[in-house]
Amino acid sequence: EDEASHKFTSHDGVKGWAFLTFRLALFAWFLLAARATAASEGLKLRAFLRRFCLAASVYFLAYPVAMLLLPIFAPCWRRAVLEFMLMVTRICANLWLSSLFLGRGAYFEVSSLGATLLPGGSRSCY
């Protein structure tokens, strides 16, 4: 059945629907965990979590959005379009997430990276 003439990708049929459902379930689980974390922490962490959730949403929802847009393309182009859309959204999400975590921004402020090691000390430049 995987060699059927009407199938152009491995995401057609039951496999595609299962993968789509799994991605949406992971996204819902992520949102629940992020909201629980935001509810128990301060304002600085909430501000960071908003940006983090937005970037992670791009990552988690890339596949479902791509699957919704694929029917507008000819069946022979769907695999290439799907792979291109997923690649572009993953690159964008990874760049966005790396800028959130690796820069001296909101994550640096709310994490222990921004804290001084000495009690009562202030940050110093090296």
N, C-alpha and C. Protein backbone atom coordinates (compact mmCIF):
# COMPACT_ATOMS: atom_id res chain seq x y z
N GLU A 1 0.82 -1.20 0.00
CA GLU A 1 0.00 0.00 0.00
C GLU A 1 0.86 1.26 0.00
N ASP A 2 2.10 1.19 0.54
CA ASP A 2 2.97 2.35 0.52
C ASP A 2 3.43 2.72 -0.88
N GLU A 3 3.32 1.78 -1.81
CA GLU A 3 3.73 2.02 -3.18
C GLU A 3 2.56 2.44 -4.06
N ALA A 4 1.44 2.82 -3.49
CA ALA A 4 0.26 3.18 -4.26
C ALA A 4 0.56 4.38 -5.15
N SER A 5 -0.05 4.40 -6.33
CA SER A 5 0.23 5.46 -7.30
C SER A 5 -0.32 6.82 -6.86
N HIS A 6 -1.29 6.84 -5.96
CA HIS A 6 -1.86 8.10 -5.53
C HIS A 6 -1.12 8.71 -4.35
N LYS A 7 -0.11 8.02 -3.81
CA LYS A 7 0.66 8.53 -2.68
C LYS A 7 1.97 9.15 -3.18
N PHE A 8 2.20 10.38 -2.79
CA PHE A 8 3.42 11.06 -3.21
C PHE A 8 4.38 11.28 -2.04
N THR A 9 3.90 11.20 -0.82
CA THR A 9 4.75 11.35 0.36
C THR A 9 4.41 10.26 1.37
N SER A 10 5.29 10.10 2.34
CA SER A 10 5.00 9.14 3.41
C SER A 10 4.04 9.74 4.44
N HIS A 11 3.64 10.99 4.23
CA HIS A 11 2.73 11.68 5.15
C HIS A 11 1.27 11.60 4.70
N ASP A 12 1.02 10.91 3.62
CA ASP A 12 -0.36 10.73 3.15
C ASP A 12 -1.04 9.64 3.97
N GLY A 13 -2.32 9.77 4.14
CA GLY A 13 -3.09 8.72 4.79
C GLY A 13 -3.01 8.71 6.30
N VAL A 14 -3.08 7.53 6.87
CA VAL A 14 -3.15 7.36 8.32
C VAL A 14 -1.87 7.84 9.00
N LYS A 15 -0.71 7.60 8.39
CA LYS A 15 0.56 8.06 8.98
C LYS A 15 0.57 9.58 9.15
N GLY A 16 0.14 10.27 8.15
CA GLY A 16 0.11 11.73 8.20
C GLY A 16 -0.83 12.25 9.27
N TRP A 17 -2.03 11.64 9.36
CA TRP A 17 -2.99 12.06 10.38
C TRP A 17 -2.48 11.74 11.79
N ALA A 18 -1.81 10.61 11.94
CA ALA A 18 -1.26 10.26 13.25
C ALA A 18 -0.15 11.23 13.64
N PHE A 19 0.71 11.56 12.69
CA PHE A 19 1.78 12.50 12.96
C PHE A 19 1.23 13.89 13.28
N LEU A 20 0.21 14.30 12.55
CA LEU A 20 -0.43 15.59 12.79
C LEU A 20 -1.05 15.64 14.18
N THR A 21 -1.75 14.58 14.56
CA THR A 21 -2.37 14.50 15.89
C THR A 21 -1.30 14.53 16.98
N PHE A 22 -0.22 13.80 16.77
CA PHE A 22 0.87 13.76 17.74
C PHE A 22 1.49 15.14 17.92
N ARG A 23 1.74 15.85 16.82
CA ARG A 23 2.33 17.20 16.92
C ARG A 23 1.39 18.17 17.65
N LEU A 24 0.10 18.08 17.37
CA LEU A 24 -0.85 18.95 18.06
C LEU A 24 -0.95 18.61 19.54
N ALA A 25 -0.87 17.33 19.88
CA ALA A 25 -0.88 16.91 21.29
C ALA A 25 0.37 17.42 22.01
N LEU A 26 1.52 17.34 21.36
CA LEU A 26 2.75 17.87 21.96
C LEU A 26 2.64 19.38 22.17
N PHE A 27 2.06 20.07 21.21
CA PHE A 27 1.89 21.52 21.33
C PHE A 27 0.97 21.87 22.50
N ALA A 28 -0.13 21.14 22.64
CA ALA A 28 -1.04 21.38 23.76
C ALA A 28 -0.36 21.10 25.09
N TRP A 29 0.40 20.04 25.16
CA TRP A 29 1.13 19.71 26.39
C TRP A 29 2.15 20.79 26.72
N PHE A 30 2.86 21.28 25.70
CA PHE A 30 3.82 22.35 25.90
C PHE A 30 3.14 23.61 26.43
N LEU A 31 2.00 23.99 25.84
CA LEU A 31 1.30 25.19 26.29
C LEU A 31 0.82 25.06 27.74
N LEU A 32 0.32 23.89 28.11
CA LEU A 32 -0.11 23.67 29.49
C LEU A 32 1.05 23.81 30.46
N ALA A 33 2.18 23.23 30.11
CA ALA A 33 3.36 23.32 30.98
C ALA A 33 3.88 24.75 31.06
N ALA A 34 3.88 25.46 29.95
CA ALA A 34 4.36 26.84 29.94
C ALA A 34 3.44 27.75 30.77
N ARG A 35 2.13 27.54 30.65
CA ARG A 35 1.19 28.35 31.45
C ARG A 35 1.31 28.04 32.93
N ALA A 36 1.52 26.78 33.28
CA ALA A 36 1.71 26.43 34.69
C ALA A 36 2.98 27.07 35.24
N THR A 37 4.02 27.08 34.44
CA THR A 37 5.27 27.71 34.87
C THR A 37 5.09 29.22 35.01
N ALA A 38 4.43 29.84 34.06
CA ALA A 38 4.22 31.29 34.10
C ALA A 38 3.35 31.69 35.29
N ALA A 39 2.40 30.87 35.65
CA ALA A 39 1.51 31.20 36.76
C ALA A 39 2.22 31.15 38.11
N SER A 40 3.29 30.36 38.18
CA SER A 40 3.97 30.22 39.47
C SER A 40 5.20 31.10 39.61
N GLU A 41 5.52 31.89 38.62
CA GLU A 41 6.76 32.69 38.65
C GLU A 41 6.47 34.18 38.52
N GLY A 42 7.52 34.98 38.52
CA GLY A 42 7.42 36.43 38.49
C GLY A 42 7.21 37.00 37.10
N LEU A 43 7.17 38.33 37.06
CA LEU A 43 6.88 39.04 35.81
C LEU A 43 7.99 38.90 34.77
N LYS A 44 9.25 38.88 35.22
CA LYS A 44 10.35 38.76 34.26
C LYS A 44 10.29 37.42 33.53
N LEU A 45 9.99 36.37 34.28
CA LEU A 45 9.90 35.06 33.64
C LEU A 45 8.69 34.98 32.72
N ARG A 46 7.61 35.62 33.09
CA ARG A 46 6.42 35.63 32.22
C ARG A 46 6.72 36.31 30.90
N ALA A 47 7.46 37.40 30.94
CA ALA A 47 7.82 38.10 29.71
C ALA A 47 8.69 37.22 28.82
N PHE A 48 9.64 36.53 29.43
CA PHE A 48 10.48 35.62 28.66
C PHE A 48 9.65 34.47 28.09
N LEU A 49 8.76 33.91 28.91
CA LEU A 49 7.95 32.77 28.47
C LEU A 49 7.03 33.13 27.31
N ARG A 50 6.56 34.37 27.26
CA ARG A 50 5.72 34.79 26.13
C ARG A 50 6.50 34.67 24.83
N ARG A 51 7.73 35.18 24.83
CA ARG A 51 8.55 35.12 23.61
C ARG A 51 8.95 33.68 23.29
N PHE A 52 9.26 32.92 24.34
CA PHE A 52 9.63 31.52 24.15
C PHE A 52 8.46 30.72 23.58
N CYS A 53 7.26 30.95 24.10
CA CYS A 53 6.08 30.24 23.60
C CYS A 53 5.79 30.59 22.15
N LEU A 54 6.01 31.83 21.78
CA LEU A 54 5.77 32.23 20.39
C LEU A 54 6.75 31.52 19.45
N ALA A 55 8.02 31.48 19.82
CA ALA A 55 9.02 30.80 18.98
C ALA A 55 8.77 29.30 18.95
N ALA A 56 8.42 28.72 20.08
CA ALA A 56 8.15 27.29 20.12
C ALA A 56 6.87 26.95 19.35
N SER A 57 5.92 27.86 19.33
CA SER A 57 4.69 27.64 18.58
C SER A 57 4.98 27.55 17.09
N VAL A 58 5.89 28.37 16.61
CA VAL A 58 6.30 28.28 15.20
C VAL A 58 6.86 26.89 14.93
N TYR A 59 7.66 26.38 15.84
CA TYR A 59 8.25 25.06 15.66
C TYR A 59 7.19 23.96 15.69
N PHE A 60 6.33 23.99 16.71
CA PHE A 60 5.34 22.92 16.87
C PHE A 60 4.25 22.95 15.79
N LEU A 61 3.88 24.15 15.33
CA LEU A 61 2.76 24.26 14.39
C LEU A 61 3.19 24.27 12.93
N ALA A 62 4.47 24.15 12.67
CA ALA A 62 4.95 24.16 11.29
C ALA A 62 4.34 23.01 10.48
N TYR A 63 4.35 21.82 11.03
CA TYR A 63 3.80 20.67 10.31
C TYR A 63 2.29 20.76 10.11
N PRO A 64 1.51 21.06 11.16
CA PRO A 64 0.06 21.18 10.93
C PRO A 64 -0.31 22.26 9.91
N VAL A 65 0.35 23.40 9.96
CA VAL A 65 0.06 24.47 8.99
C VAL A 65 0.45 24.02 7.59
N ALA A 66 1.60 23.36 7.48
CA ALA A 66 2.02 22.87 6.17
C ALA A 66 1.02 21.86 5.61
N MET A 67 0.51 21.00 6.47
CA MET A 67 -0.46 20.00 6.01
C MET A 67 -1.77 20.65 5.57
N LEU A 68 -2.13 21.76 6.19
CA LEU A 68 -3.34 22.47 5.77
C LEU A 68 -3.15 23.17 4.42
N LEU A 69 -1.93 23.61 4.14
CA LEU A 69 -1.66 24.33 2.90
C LEU A 69 -1.35 23.41 1.72
N LEU A 70 -0.97 22.17 1.98
CA LEU A 70 -0.56 21.27 0.89
C LEU A 70 -1.64 21.00 -0.16
N PRO A 71 -2.91 20.91 0.19
CA PRO A 71 -3.91 20.61 -0.85
C PRO A 71 -3.99 21.64 -1.98
N ILE A 72 -3.48 22.83 -1.79
CA ILE A 72 -3.54 23.82 -2.88
C ILE A 72 -2.48 23.57 -3.95
N PHE A 73 -1.53 22.67 -3.67
CA PHE A 73 -0.48 22.35 -4.62
C PHE A 73 -0.80 21.05 -5.35
N ALA A 74 -0.24 20.91 -6.53
CA ALA A 74 -0.41 19.66 -7.28
C ALA A 74 0.21 18.51 -6.49
N PRO A 75 -0.39 17.33 -6.56
CA PRO A 75 0.12 16.20 -5.77
C PRO A 75 1.60 15.89 -6.01
N CYS A 76 2.09 16.08 -7.22
CA CYS A 76 3.49 15.77 -7.50
C CYS A 76 4.45 16.78 -6.85
N TRP A 77 3.96 17.96 -6.47
CA TRP A 77 4.79 18.99 -5.84
C TRP A 77 4.70 18.98 -4.32
N ARG A 78 3.78 18.23 -3.77
CA ARG A 78 3.52 18.31 -2.33
C ARG A 78 4.71 17.92 -1.47
N ARG A 79 5.43 16.89 -1.86
CA ARG A 79 6.57 16.48 -1.05
C ARG A 79 7.63 17.58 -0.99
N ALA A 80 7.96 18.16 -2.12
CA ALA A 80 8.97 19.22 -2.16
C ALA A 80 8.51 20.44 -1.37
N VAL A 81 7.25 20.80 -1.52
CA VAL A 81 6.70 21.95 -0.81
C VAL A 81 6.70 21.69 0.69
N LEU A 82 6.29 20.50 1.10
CA LEU A 82 6.27 20.15 2.52
C LEU A 82 7.67 20.21 3.12
N GLU A 83 8.63 19.60 2.45
CA GLU A 83 10.00 19.61 2.97
C GLU A 83 10.57 21.01 3.02
N PHE A 84 10.29 21.83 2.01
CA PHE A 84 10.79 23.21 2.00
C PHE A 84 10.16 24.03 3.13
N MET A 85 8.85 23.90 3.29
CA MET A 85 8.17 24.67 4.34
C MET A 85 8.66 24.27 5.72
N LEU A 86 8.82 22.97 5.95
CA LEU A 86 9.30 22.50 7.25
C LEU A 86 10.74 22.95 7.50
N MET A 87 11.57 22.90 6.47
CA MET A 87 12.96 23.32 6.63
C MET A 87 13.05 24.81 6.97
N VAL A 88 12.31 25.63 6.24
CA VAL A 88 12.36 27.07 6.49
C VAL A 88 11.83 27.42 7.88
N THR A 89 10.70 26.83 8.27
CA THR A 89 10.15 27.16 9.59
C THR A 89 11.03 26.64 10.71
N ARG A 90 11.65 25.49 10.54
CA ARG A 90 12.55 24.98 11.58
C ARG A 90 13.81 25.82 11.70
N ILE A 91 14.34 26.26 10.58
CA ILE A 91 15.52 27.13 10.63
C ILE A 91 15.16 28.43 11.33
N CYS A 92 14.03 29.02 10.97
CA CYS A 92 13.61 30.27 11.61
C CYS A 92 13.37 30.08 13.11
N ALA A 93 12.69 29.01 13.48
CA ALA A 93 12.42 28.75 14.89
C ALA A 93 13.72 28.50 15.66
N ASN A 94 14.64 27.75 15.07
CA ASN A 94 15.92 27.49 15.75
C ASN A 94 16.75 28.75 15.90
N LEU A 95 16.76 29.60 14.89
CA LEU A 95 17.48 30.88 15.02
C LEU A 95 16.85 31.75 16.09
N TRP A 96 15.53 31.79 16.12
CA TRP A 96 14.81 32.59 17.11
C TRP A 96 15.08 32.05 18.51
N LEU A 97 14.98 30.74 18.69
CA LEU A 97 15.23 30.14 20.00
C LEU A 97 16.68 30.33 20.43
N SER A 98 17.62 30.20 19.50
CA SER A 98 19.02 30.40 19.89
C SER A 98 19.29 31.84 20.28
N SER A 99 18.63 32.78 19.62
CA SER A 99 18.82 34.19 20.03
C SER A 99 18.21 34.45 21.40
N LEU A 100 17.12 33.74 21.72
CA LEU A 100 16.51 33.90 23.05
C LEU A 100 17.42 33.36 24.15
N PHE A 101 18.03 32.21 23.91
CA PHE A 101 18.79 31.55 24.96
C PHE A 101 20.26 31.93 25.00
N LEU A 102 20.85 32.29 23.88
CA LEU A 102 22.29 32.54 23.85
C LEU A 102 22.66 34.01 24.01
N GLY A 103 21.71 34.90 23.85
CA GLY A 103 22.01 36.32 24.02
C GLY A 103 21.86 36.75 25.47
N ARG A 104 22.28 37.95 25.75
CA ARG A 104 22.12 38.49 27.11
C ARG A 104 20.81 39.24 27.21
N GLY A 105 19.74 38.53 26.95
CA GLY A 105 18.41 39.13 26.97
C GLY A 105 17.60 38.67 28.16
N ALA A 106 16.34 38.38 27.89
CA ALA A 106 15.40 38.03 28.95
C ALA A 106 15.78 36.73 29.66
N TYR A 107 16.26 35.73 28.90
CA TYR A 107 16.64 34.47 29.55
C TYR A 107 17.83 34.68 30.48
N PHE A 108 18.77 35.49 30.06
CA PHE A 108 19.94 35.78 30.89
C PHE A 108 19.51 36.44 32.19
N GLU A 109 18.53 37.31 32.12
CA GLU A 109 18.06 38.02 33.31
C GLU A 109 17.32 37.11 34.28
N VAL A 110 16.51 36.18 33.79
CA VAL A 110 15.71 35.34 34.68
C VAL A 110 16.44 34.09 35.13
N SER A 111 17.52 33.73 34.46
CA SER A 111 18.23 32.51 34.83
C SER A 111 19.33 32.83 35.83
N SER A 112 19.99 31.80 36.28
CA SER A 112 21.10 31.98 37.22
C SER A 112 22.34 32.53 36.53
N LEU A 113 22.33 32.59 35.20
CA LEU A 113 23.47 33.13 34.47
C LEU A 113 23.67 34.62 34.76
N GLY A 114 22.58 35.31 35.02
CA GLY A 114 22.67 36.74 35.27
C GLY A 114 22.95 37.08 36.72
N ALA A 115 22.99 36.09 37.60
CA ALA A 115 23.21 36.34 39.03
C ALA A 115 24.70 36.33 39.34
N THR A 116 25.06 37.07 40.34
CA THR A 116 26.45 37.10 40.79
C THR A 116 26.71 35.92 41.72
N LEU A 117 27.93 35.48 41.78
CA LEU A 117 28.28 34.35 42.63
C LEU A 117 28.51 34.77 44.08
N LEU A 118 28.81 36.04 44.29
CA LEU A 118 29.10 36.53 45.64
C LEU A 118 27.85 37.09 46.28
N PRO A 119 27.61 36.80 47.54
CA PRO A 119 26.44 37.37 48.21
C PRO A 119 26.61 38.89 48.37
N GLY A 120 25.58 39.61 47.98
CA GLY A 120 25.61 41.06 48.12
C GLY A 120 26.45 41.74 47.09
N GLY A 121 27.04 41.00 46.19
CA GLY A 121 27.92 41.58 45.16
C GLY A 121 27.13 42.12 44.00
N SER A 122 27.80 42.85 43.18
CA SER A 122 27.18 43.37 41.97
C SER A 122 27.86 42.78 40.77
N ARG A 123 27.23 42.89 39.63
CA ARG A 123 27.84 42.36 38.42
C ARG A 123 29.04 43.22 38.04
N SER A 124 30.05 42.56 37.57
CA SER A 124 31.22 43.30 37.13
C SER A 124 31.57 42.88 35.71
N CYS A 125 32.20 43.78 35.00
CA CYS A 125 32.64 43.49 33.64
C CYS A 125 34.07 42.99 33.68
N TYR A 126 34.37 42.01 32.86
CA TYR A 126 35.72 41.47 32.82
C TYR A 126 36.46 42.01 31.65
